[in-house]
């Protein structure tokens, strides 16, 4: 069964209006957008170090901290989506 395509209009908070998807999909999308932003930040910092030659210890330390933050966020995303998915599966079996 195919779900209807979500609308592309967004509210000021970045969430979609008129979306036929579930809140679980919204949760996953929000995590994806957050991780995309963090990956972009890391990429920019890495490019600045590689291209500009800013390989001083403080810049490398900042990049390392952002990378660790990305790892933490990625693990949190995986855990939360997995937990919610399992809860939804349990609820579906009880219906």
PDB file of N, CA and C in Angstrom:
ATOM      1  N   UNK A   1       0.836  -1.164   0.000  1.00  0.00           N
ATOM      2  CA  UNK A   1       0.000   0.000   0.000  1.00  0.00           C
ATOM      3  C   UNK A   1       0.889   1.236   0.000  1.00  0.00           C
ATOM      4  N   UNK A   2       0.680   2.126  -0.923  1.00  0.00           N
ATOM      5  CA  UNK A   2       1.499   3.324  -1.039  1.00  0.00           C
ATOM      6  C   UNK A   2       0.810   4.477  -0.326  1.00  0.00           C
ATOM      7  N   UNK A   3       1.606   5.235   0.449  1.00  0.00           N
ATOM      8  CA  UNK A   3       1.064   6.430   1.111  1.00  0.00           C
ATOM      9  C   UNK A   3       1.044   7.568   0.111  1.00  0.00           C
ATOM     10  N   UNK A   4       0.131   8.480   0.331  1.00  0.00           N
ATOM     11  CA  UNK A   4       0.072   9.664  -0.537  1.00  0.00           C
ATOM     12  C   UNK A   4       1.341  10.481  -0.357  1.00  0.00           C
ATOM     13  N   UNK A   5       1.757  11.133  -1.417  1.00  0.00           N
ATOM     14  CA  UNK A   5       2.958  11.957  -1.343  1.00  0.00           C
ATOM     15  C   UNK A   5       2.716  13.142  -0.421  1.00  0.00           C
ATOM     16  N   UNK A   6       3.698  13.444   0.452  1.00  0.00           N
ATOM     17  CA  UNK A   6       3.519  14.573   1.345  1.00  0.00           C
ATOM     18  C   UNK A   6       3.569  15.889   0.587  1.00  0.00           C
ATOM     19  N   UNK A   7       2.887  16.879   1.141  1.00  0.00           N
ATOM     20  CA  UNK A   7       2.937  18.193   0.508  1.00  0.00           C
ATOM     21  C   UNK A   7       4.287  18.818   0.786  1.00  0.00           C
ATOM     22  N   UNK A   8       4.633  19.843   0.019  1.00  0.00           N
ATOM     23  CA  UNK A   8       5.937  20.459   0.185  1.00  0.00           C
ATOM     24  C   UNK A   8       5.870  21.791   0.882  1.00  0.00           C
ATOM     25  N   UNK A   9       4.682  22.232   1.291  1.00  0.00           N
ATOM     26  CA  UNK A   9       4.606  23.502   2.001  1.00  0.00           C
ATOM     27  C   UNK A   9       5.094  23.306   3.425  1.00  0.00           C
ATOM     28  N   UNK A  10       5.797  24.310   3.933  1.00  0.00           N
ATOM     29  CA  UNK A  10       6.334  24.201   5.276  1.00  0.00           C
ATOM     30  C   UNK A  10       5.876  25.365   6.119  1.00  0.00           C
ATOM     31  N   UNK A  11       5.796  25.108   7.392  1.00  0.00           N
ATOM     32  CA  UNK A  11       5.484  26.184   8.319  1.00  0.00           C
ATOM     33  C   UNK A  11       6.777  26.837   8.754  1.00  0.00           C
ATOM     34  N   UNK A  12       6.705  27.842   9.589  1.00  0.00           N
ATOM     35  CA  UNK A  12       7.893  28.553  10.040  1.00  0.00           C
ATOM     36  C   UNK A  12       8.863  27.670  10.797  1.00  0.00           C
ATOM     37  N   UNK A  13       8.409  26.608  11.406  1.00  0.00           N
ATOM     38  CA  UNK A  13       9.291  25.746  12.176  1.00  0.00           C
ATOM     39  C   UNK A  13       9.961  24.688  11.316  1.00  0.00           C
ATOM     40  N   UNK A  14       9.661  24.648  10.033  1.00  0.00           N
ATOM     41  CA  UNK A  14      10.284  23.683   9.147  1.00  0.00           C
ATOM     42  C   UNK A  14       9.512  22.387   9.018  1.00  0.00           C
ATOM     43  N   UNK A  15       8.387  22.263   9.699  1.00  0.00           N
ATOM     44  CA  UNK A  15       7.584  21.058   9.565  1.00  0.00           C
ATOM     45  C   UNK A  15       6.589  21.235   8.431  1.00  0.00           C
ATOM     46  N   UNK A  16       6.188  20.140   7.863  1.00  0.00           N
ATOM     47  CA  UNK A  16       5.266  20.197   6.730  1.00  0.00           C
ATOM     48  C   UNK A  16       3.833  20.269   7.201  1.00  0.00           C
ATOM     49  N   UNK A  17       3.062  21.030   6.488  1.00  0.00           N
ATOM     50  CA  UNK A  17       1.615  21.085   6.737  1.00  0.00           C
ATOM     51  C   UNK A  17       0.936  20.205   5.691  1.00  0.00           C
ATOM     52  N   UNK A  18      -0.124  19.572   6.072  1.00  0.00           N
ATOM     53  CA  UNK A  18      -0.875  18.756   5.130  1.00  0.00           C
ATOM     54  C   UNK A  18      -0.170  17.455   4.791  1.00  0.00           C
ATOM     55  N   UNK A  19       0.811  17.093   5.579  1.00  0.00           N
ATOM     56  CA  UNK A  19       1.574  15.880   5.337  1.00  0.00           C
ATOM     57  C   UNK A  19       0.728  14.677   5.727  1.00  0.00           C
ATOM     58  N   UNK A  20       0.623  13.724   4.834  1.00  0.00           N
ATOM     59  CA  UNK A  20      -0.162  12.538   5.124  1.00  0.00           C
ATOM     60  C   UNK A  20       0.668  11.495   5.855  1.00  0.00           C
ATOM     61  N   UNK A  21       1.953  11.766   6.076  1.00  0.00           N
ATOM     62  CA  UNK A  21       2.818  10.824   6.757  1.00  0.00           C
ATOM     63  C   UNK A  21       2.577  10.817   8.259  1.00  0.00           C
ATOM     64  N   UNK A  22       3.183   9.876   8.916  1.00  0.00           N
ATOM     65  CA  UNK A  22       3.011   9.718  10.355  1.00  0.00           C
ATOM     66  C   UNK A  22       3.987  10.596  11.127  1.00  0.00           C
ATOM     67  N   UNK A  23       3.741  10.706  12.412  1.00  0.00           N
ATOM     68  CA  UNK A  23       4.668  11.456  13.256  1.00  0.00           C
ATOM     69  C   UNK A  23       6.002  10.725  13.336  1.00  0.00           C
ATOM     70  N   UNK A  24       5.982   9.399  13.157  1.00  0.00           N
ATOM     71  CA  UNK A  24       7.226   8.628  13.133  1.00  0.00           C
ATOM     72  C   UNK A  24       8.093   9.052  11.946  1.00  0.00           C
ATOM     73  N   UNK A  25       7.444   9.274  10.801  1.00  0.00           N
ATOM     74  CA  UNK A  25       8.181   9.771   9.629  1.00  0.00           C
ATOM     75  C   UNK A  25       8.709  11.176   9.896  1.00  0.00           C
ATOM     76  N   UNK A  26       7.922  11.996  10.571  1.00  0.00           N
ATOM     77  CA  UNK A  26       8.354  13.358  10.903  1.00  0.00           C
ATOM     78  C   UNK A  26       9.559  13.317  11.844  1.00  0.00           C
ATOM     79  N   UNK A  27       9.537  12.410  12.812  1.00  0.00           N
ATOM     80  CA  UNK A  27      10.664  12.241  13.723  1.00  0.00           C
ATOM     81  C   UNK A  27      11.923  11.859  12.953  1.00  0.00           C
ATOM     82  N   UNK A  28      11.780  10.899  12.063  1.00  0.00           N
ATOM     83  CA  UNK A  28      12.925  10.451  11.259  1.00  0.00           C
ATOM     84  C   UNK A  28      13.445  11.560  10.362  1.00  0.00           C
ATOM     85  N   UNK A  29      12.537  12.313   9.774  1.00  0.00           N
ATOM     86  CA  UNK A  29      12.942  13.419   8.906  1.00  0.00           C
ATOM     87  C   UNK A  29      13.660  14.508   9.709  1.00  0.00           C
ATOM     88  N   UNK A  30      13.154  14.802  10.887  1.00  0.00           N
ATOM     89  CA  UNK A  30      13.790  15.819  11.731  1.00  0.00           C
ATOM     90  C   UNK A  30      15.198  15.396  12.126  1.00  0.00           C
ATOM     91  N   UNK A  31      15.350  14.140  12.496  1.00  0.00           N
ATOM     92  CA  UNK A  31      16.687  13.644  12.817  1.00  0.00           C
ATOM     93  C   UNK A  31      17.598  13.724  11.592  1.00  0.00           C
ATOM     94  N   UNK A  32      17.073  13.346  10.444  1.00  0.00           N
ATOM     95  CA  UNK A  32      17.877  13.401   9.214  1.00  0.00           C
ATOM     96  C   UNK A  32      18.333  14.810   8.899  1.00  0.00           C
ATOM     97  N   UNK A  33      17.421  15.775   9.031  1.00  0.00           N
ATOM     98  CA  UNK A  33      17.790  17.169   8.766  1.00  0.00           C
ATOM     99  C   UNK A  33      18.848  17.654   9.746  1.00  0.00           C
ATOM    100  N   UNK A  34      18.705  17.284  11.009  1.00  0.00           N
ATOM    101  CA  UNK A  34      19.675  17.688  12.029  1.00  0.00           C
ATOM    102  C   UNK A  34      21.042  17.085  11.738  1.00  0.00           C
ATOM    103  N   UNK A  35      21.057  15.819  11.377  1.00  0.00           N
ATOM    104  CA  UNK A  35      22.329  15.165  11.064  1.00  0.00           C
ATOM    105  C   UNK A  35      22.948  15.736   9.788  1.00  0.00           C
ATOM    106  N   UNK A  36      22.122  16.080   8.811  1.00  0.00           N
ATOM    107  CA  UNK A  36      22.631  16.721   7.593  1.00  0.00           C
ATOM    108  C   UNK A  36      23.317  18.045   7.916  1.00  0.00           C
ATOM    109  N   UNK A  37      22.702  18.831   8.788  1.00  0.00           N
ATOM    110  CA  UNK A  37      23.289  20.113   9.167  1.00  0.00           C
ATOM    111  C   UNK A  37      24.621  19.919   9.878  1.00  0.00           C
ATOM    112  N   UNK A  38      24.681  18.969  10.770  1.00  0.00           N
ATOM    113  CA  UNK A  38      25.929  18.701  11.495  1.00  0.00           C
ATOM    114  C   UNK A  38      27.012  18.204  10.536  1.00  0.00           C
ATOM    115  N   UNK A  39      26.631  17.348   9.609  1.00  0.00           N
ATOM    116  CA  UNK A  39      27.604  16.862   8.620  1.00  0.00           C
ATOM    117  C   UNK A  39      28.122  18.016   7.762  1.00  0.00           C
ATOM    118  N   UNK A  40      27.240  18.937   7.410  1.00  0.00           N
ATOM    119  CA  UNK A  40      27.666  20.115   6.645  1.00  0.00           C
ATOM    120  C   UNK A  40      28.652  20.964   7.421  1.00  0.00           C
ATOM    121  N   UNK A  41      28.391  21.138   8.715  1.00  0.00           N
ATOM    122  CA  UNK A  41      29.292  21.911   9.578  1.00  0.00           C
ATOM    123  C   UNK A  41      30.674  21.251   9.632  1.00  0.00           C
ATOM    124  N   UNK A  42      30.686  19.930   9.789  1.00  0.00           N
ATOM    125  CA  UNK A  42      31.950  19.194   9.844  1.00  0.00           C
ATOM    126  C   UNK A  42      32.683  19.306   8.513  1.00  0.00           C
ATOM    127  N   UNK A  43      31.953  19.191   7.426  1.00  0.00           N
ATOM    128  CA  UNK A  43      32.550  19.299   6.102  1.00  0.00           C
ATOM    129  C   UNK A  43      33.187  20.672   5.876  1.00  0.00           C
ATOM    130  N   UNK A  44      32.491  21.719   6.293  1.00  0.00           N
ATOM    131  CA  UNK A  44      33.037  23.077   6.154  1.00  0.00           C
ATOM    132  C   UNK A  44      34.305  23.250   6.984  1.00  0.00           C
ATOM    133  N   UNK A  45      34.274  22.764   8.203  1.00  0.00           N
ATOM    134  CA  UNK A  45      35.456  22.869   9.066  1.00  0.00           C
ATOM    135  C   UNK A  45      36.622  22.092   8.475  1.00  0.00           C
ATOM    136  N   UNK A  46      36.341  20.921   7.947  1.00  0.00           N
ATOM    137  CA  UNK A  46      37.387  20.089   7.341  1.00  0.00           C
ATOM    138  C   UNK A  46      37.972  20.755   6.110  1.00  0.00           C
ATOM    139  N   UNK A  47      37.092  21.342   5.284  1.00  0.00           N
ATOM    140  CA  UNK A  47      37.569  22.040   4.088  1.00  0.00           C
ATOM    141  C   UNK A  47      38.451  23.225   4.459  1.00  0.00           C
ATOM    142  N   UNK A  48      38.071  23.940   5.499  1.00  0.00           N
ATOM    143  CA  UNK A  48      38.862  25.102   5.923  1.00  0.00           C
ATOM    144  C   UNK A  48      40.248  24.677   6.393  1.00  0.00           C
ATOM    145  N   UNK A  49      40.323  23.536   7.051  1.00  0.00           N
ATOM    146  CA  UNK A  49      41.624  23.047   7.503  1.00  0.00           C
ATOM    147  C   UNK A  49      42.445  22.565   6.314  1.00  0.00           C
ATOM    148  N   UNK A  50      41.816  21.827   5.417  1.00  0.00           N
ATOM    149  CA  UNK A  50      42.528  21.259   4.284  1.00  0.00           C
ATOM    150  C   UNK A  50      42.948  22.284   3.250  1.00  0.00           C
ATOM    151  N   UNK A  51      42.074  23.219   2.924  1.00  0.00           N
ATOM    152  CA  UNK A  51      42.324  24.178   1.854  1.00  0.00           C
ATOM    153  C   UNK A  51      43.148  25.360   2.341  1.00  0.00           C
ATOM    154  N   UNK A  52      42.761  25.917   3.463  1.00  0.00           N
ATOM    155  CA  UNK A  52      43.414  27.120   3.953  1.00  0.00           C
ATOM    156  C   UNK A  52      44.697  26.833   4.720  1.00  0.00           C
ATOM    157  N   UNK A  53      44.964  25.580   4.994  1.00  0.00           N
ATOM    158  CA  UNK A  53      46.167  25.244   5.735  1.00  0.00           C
ATOM    159  C   UNK A  53      46.071  25.588   7.214  1.00  0.00           C
ATOM    160  N   UNK A  54      44.855  25.768   7.705  1.00  0.00           N
ATOM    161  CA  UNK A  54      44.650  26.067   9.127  1.00  0.00           C
ATOM    162  C   UNK A  54      44.736  24.776   9.930  1.00  0.00           C
ATOM    163  N   UNK A  55      45.913  24.213   9.977  1.00  0.00           N
ATOM    164  CA  UNK A  55      46.060  22.942  10.679  1.00  0.00           C
ATOM    165  C   UNK A  55      46.634  23.134  12.077  1.00  0.00           C
ATOM    166  N   UNK A  56      46.290  24.250  12.687  1.00  0.00           N
ATOM    167  CA  UNK A  56      46.759  24.468  14.045  1.00  0.00           C
ATOM    168  C   UNK A  56      45.952  23.604  15.008  1.00  0.00           C
ATOM    169  N   UNK A  57      46.511  23.311  16.156  1.00  0.00           N
ATOM    170  CA  UNK A  57      45.862  22.388  17.092  1.00  0.00           C
ATOM    171  C   UNK A  57      44.454  22.805  17.514  1.00  0.00           C
ATOM    172  N   UNK A  58      44.194  24.095  17.662  1.00  0.00           N
ATOM    173  CA  UNK A  58      42.856  24.496  18.104  1.00  0.00           C
ATOM    174  C   UNK A  58      41.798  24.200  17.045  1.00  0.00           C
ATOM    175  N   UNK A  59      42.116  24.410  15.776  1.00  0.00           N
ATOM    176  CA  UNK A  59      41.155  24.098  14.710  1.00  0.00           C
ATOM    177  C   UNK A  59      40.921  22.593  14.599  1.00  0.00           C
ATOM    178  N   UNK A  60      41.970  21.832  14.734  1.00  0.00           N
ATOM    179  CA  UNK A  60      41.836  20.374  14.675  1.00  0.00           C
ATOM    180  C   UNK A  60      41.047  19.875  15.881  1.00  0.00           C
ATOM    181  N   UNK A  61      41.282  20.484  17.032  1.00  0.00           N
ATOM    182  CA  UNK A  61      40.529  20.114  18.233  1.00  0.00           C
ATOM    183  C   UNK A  61      39.048  20.420  18.065  1.00  0.00           C
ATOM    184  N   UNK A  62      38.715  21.549  17.473  1.00  0.00           N
ATOM    185  CA  UNK A  62      37.320  21.906  17.222  1.00  0.00           C
ATOM    186  C   UNK A  62      36.672  20.909  16.259  1.00  0.00           C
ATOM    187  N   UNK A  63      37.410  20.535  15.216  1.00  0.00           N
ATOM    188  CA  UNK A  63      36.890  19.559  14.260  1.00  0.00           C
ATOM    189  C   UNK A  63      36.660  18.210  14.939  1.00  0.00           C
ATOM    190  N   UNK A  64      37.593  17.817  15.784  1.00  0.00           N
ATOM    191  CA  UNK A  64      37.451  16.557  16.518  1.00  0.00           C
ATOM    192  C   UNK A  64      36.216  16.595  17.414  1.00  0.00           C
ATOM    193  N   UNK A  65      36.011  17.709  18.100  1.00  0.00           N
ATOM    194  CA  UNK A  65      34.841  17.852  18.973  1.00  0.00           C
ATOM    195  C   UNK A  65      33.548  17.769  18.171  1.00  0.00           C
ATOM    196  N   UNK A  66      33.496  18.412  17.015  1.00  0.00           N
ATOM    197  CA  UNK A  66      32.296  18.343  16.170  1.00  0.00           C
ATOM    198  C   UNK A  66      32.062  16.927  15.659  1.00  0.00           C
ATOM    199  N   UNK A  67      33.144  16.230  15.341  1.00  0.00           N
ATOM    200  CA  UNK A  67      33.018  14.845  14.870  1.00  0.00           C
ATOM    201  C   UNK A  67      32.470  13.944  15.967  1.00  0.00           C
ATOM    202  N   UNK A  68      32.953  14.160  17.186  1.00  0.00           N
ATOM    203  CA  UNK A  68      32.443  13.382  18.316  1.00  0.00           C
ATOM    204  C   UNK A  68      30.973  13.719  18.583  1.00  0.00           C
ATOM    205  N   UNK A  69      30.633  14.988  18.434  1.00  0.00           N
ATOM    206  CA  UNK A  69      29.245  15.404  18.596  1.00  0.00           C
ATOM    207  C   UNK A  69      28.365  14.703  17.550  1.00  0.00           C
ATOM    208  N   UNK A  70      28.851  14.625  16.322  1.00  0.00           N
ATOM    209  CA  UNK A  70      28.112  13.950  15.248  1.00  0.00           C
ATOM    210  C   UNK A  70      27.904  12.478  15.603  1.00  0.00           C
ATOM    211  N   UNK A  71      28.933  11.846  16.142  1.00  0.00           N
ATOM    212  CA  UNK A  71      28.810  10.448  16.549  1.00  0.00           C
ATOM    213  C   UNK A  71      27.761  10.265  17.630  1.00  0.00           C
ATOM    214  N   UNK A  72      27.758  11.170  18.604  1.00  0.00           N
ATOM    215  CA  UNK A  72      26.765  11.121  19.680  1.00  0.00           C
ATOM    216  C   UNK A  72      25.365  11.317  19.123  1.00  0.00           C
ATOM    217  N   UNK A  73      25.204  12.306  18.249  1.00  0.00           N
ATOM    218  CA  UNK A  73      23.895  12.581  17.661  1.00  0.00           C
ATOM    219  C   UNK A  73      23.416  11.409  16.813  1.00  0.00           C
ATOM    220  N   UNK A  74      24.323  10.812  16.063  1.00  0.00           N
ATOM    221  CA  UNK A  74      23.967   9.679  15.217  1.00  0.00           C
ATOM    222  C   UNK A  74      23.508   8.487  16.055  1.00  0.00           C
ATOM    223  N   UNK A  75      24.211   8.231  17.148  1.00  0.00           N
ATOM    224  CA  UNK A  75      23.823   7.140  18.041  1.00  0.00           C
ATOM    225  C   UNK A  75      22.474   7.427  18.690  1.00  0.00           C
ATOM    226  N   UNK A  76      22.253   8.677  19.075  1.00  0.00           N
ATOM    227  CA  UNK A  76      20.968   9.064  19.677  1.00  0.00           C
ATOM    228  C   UNK A  76      19.827   8.897  18.687  1.00  0.00           C
ATOM    229  N   UNK A  77      20.071   9.282  17.444  1.00  0.00           N
ATOM    230  CA  UNK A  77      19.051   9.119  16.395  1.00  0.00           C
ATOM    231  C   UNK A  77      18.706   7.654  16.221  1.00  0.00           C
ATOM    232  N   UNK A  78      19.721   6.839  16.126  1.00  0.00           N
ATOM    233  CA  UNK A  78      19.499   5.416  15.914  1.00  0.00           C
ATOM    234  C   UNK A  78      18.711   4.805  17.074  1.00  0.00           C
ATOM    235  N   UNK A  79      19.095   5.151  18.286  1.00  0.00           N
ATOM    236  CA  UNK A  79      18.416   4.608  19.462  1.00  0.00           C
ATOM    237  C   UNK A  79      16.967   5.070  19.546  1.00  0.00           C
ATOM    238  N   UNK A  80      16.734   6.353  19.302  1.00  0.00           N
ATOM    239  CA  UNK A  80      15.363   6.858  19.446  1.00  0.00           C
ATOM    240  C   UNK A  80      14.451   6.313  18.354  1.00  0.00           C
ATOM    241  N   UNK A  81      14.916   6.271  17.126  1.00  0.00           N
ATOM    242  CA  UNK A  81      14.089   5.749  16.038  1.00  0.00           C
ATOM    243  C   UNK A  81      13.832   4.256  16.249  1.00  0.00           C
ATOM    244  N   UNK A  82      14.837   3.531  16.704  1.00  0.00           N
ATOM    245  CA  UNK A  82      14.666   2.103  16.957  1.00  0.00           C
ATOM    246  C   UNK A  82      13.663   1.861  18.087  1.00  0.00           C
ATOM    247  N   UNK A  83      13.785   2.626  19.171  1.00  0.00           N
ATOM    248  CA  UNK A  83      12.871   2.464  20.308  1.00  0.00           C
ATOM    249  C   UNK A  83      11.430   2.781  19.927  1.00  0.00           C
ATOM    250  N   UNK A  84      11.241   3.875  19.221  1.00  0.00           N
ATOM    251  CA  UNK A  84       9.888   4.259  18.814  1.00  0.00           C
ATOM    252  C   UNK A  84       9.330   3.232  17.828  1.00  0.00           C
ATOM    253  N   UNK A  85      10.162   2.772  16.912  1.00  0.00           N
ATOM    254  CA  UNK A  85       9.721   1.760  15.957  1.00  0.00           C
ATOM    255  C   UNK A  85       9.278   0.480  16.636  1.00  0.00           C
ATOM    256  N   UNK A  86      10.038   0.052  17.639  1.00  0.00           N
ATOM    257  CA  UNK A  86       9.659  -1.150  18.384  1.00  0.00           C
ATOM    258  C   UNK A  86       8.367  -0.940  19.161  1.00  0.00           C
ATOM    259  N   UNK A  87       8.197   0.244  19.728  1.00  0.00           N
ATOM    260  CA  UNK A  87       6.964   0.545  20.459  1.00  0.00           C
ATOM    261  C   UNK A  87       5.763   0.529  19.514  1.00  0.00           C
ATOM    262  N   UNK A  88       5.922   1.111  18.337  1.00  0.00           N
ATOM    263  CA  UNK A  88       4.831   1.102  17.356  1.00  0.00           C
ATOM    264  C   UNK A  88       4.511  -0.316  16.904  1.00  0.00           C
ATOM    265  N   UNK A  89       5.535  -1.125  16.746  1.00  0.00           N
ATOM    266  CA  UNK A  89       5.333  -2.521  16.357  1.00  0.00           C
ATOM    267  C   UNK A  89       4.544  -3.263  17.435  1.00  0.00           C
ATOM    268  N   UNK A  90       4.900  -3.037  18.697  1.00  0.00           N
ATOM    269  CA  UNK A  90       4.191  -3.659  19.810  1.00  0.00           C
ATOM    270  C   UNK A  90       2.732  -3.229  19.831  1.00  0.00           C
ATOM    271  N   UNK A  91       2.500  -1.931  19.649  1.00  0.00           N
ATOM    272  CA  UNK A  91       1.127  -1.422  19.634  1.00  0.00           C
ATOM    273  C   UNK A  91       0.330  -2.013  18.485  1.00  0.00           C
ATOM    274  N   UNK A  92       0.957  -2.182  17.338  1.00  0.00           N
ATOM    275  CA  UNK A  92       0.260  -2.723  16.165  1.00  0.00           C
ATOM    276  C   UNK A  92      -0.167  -4.167  16.405  1.00  0.00           C
ATOM    277  N   UNK A  93       0.637  -4.911  17.142  1.00  0.00           N
ATOM    278  CA  UNK A  93       0.291  -6.299  17.431  1.00  0.00           C
ATOM    279  C   UNK A  93      -0.870  -6.412  18.409  1.00  0.00           C
ATOM    280  N   UNK A  94      -1.053  -5.395  19.238  1.00  0.00           N
ATOM    281  CA  UNK A  94      -2.132  -5.431  20.242  1.00  0.00           C
ATOM    282  C   UNK A  94      -3.473  -5.035  19.658  1.00  0.00           C
ATOM    283  N   UNK A  95      -3.496  -4.414  18.489  1.00  0.00           N
ATOM    284  CA  UNK A  95      -4.767  -3.984  17.883  1.00  0.00           C
ATOM    285  C   UNK A  95      -5.524  -5.124  17.284  1.00  0.00           C
TER     286      UNK A  95
END
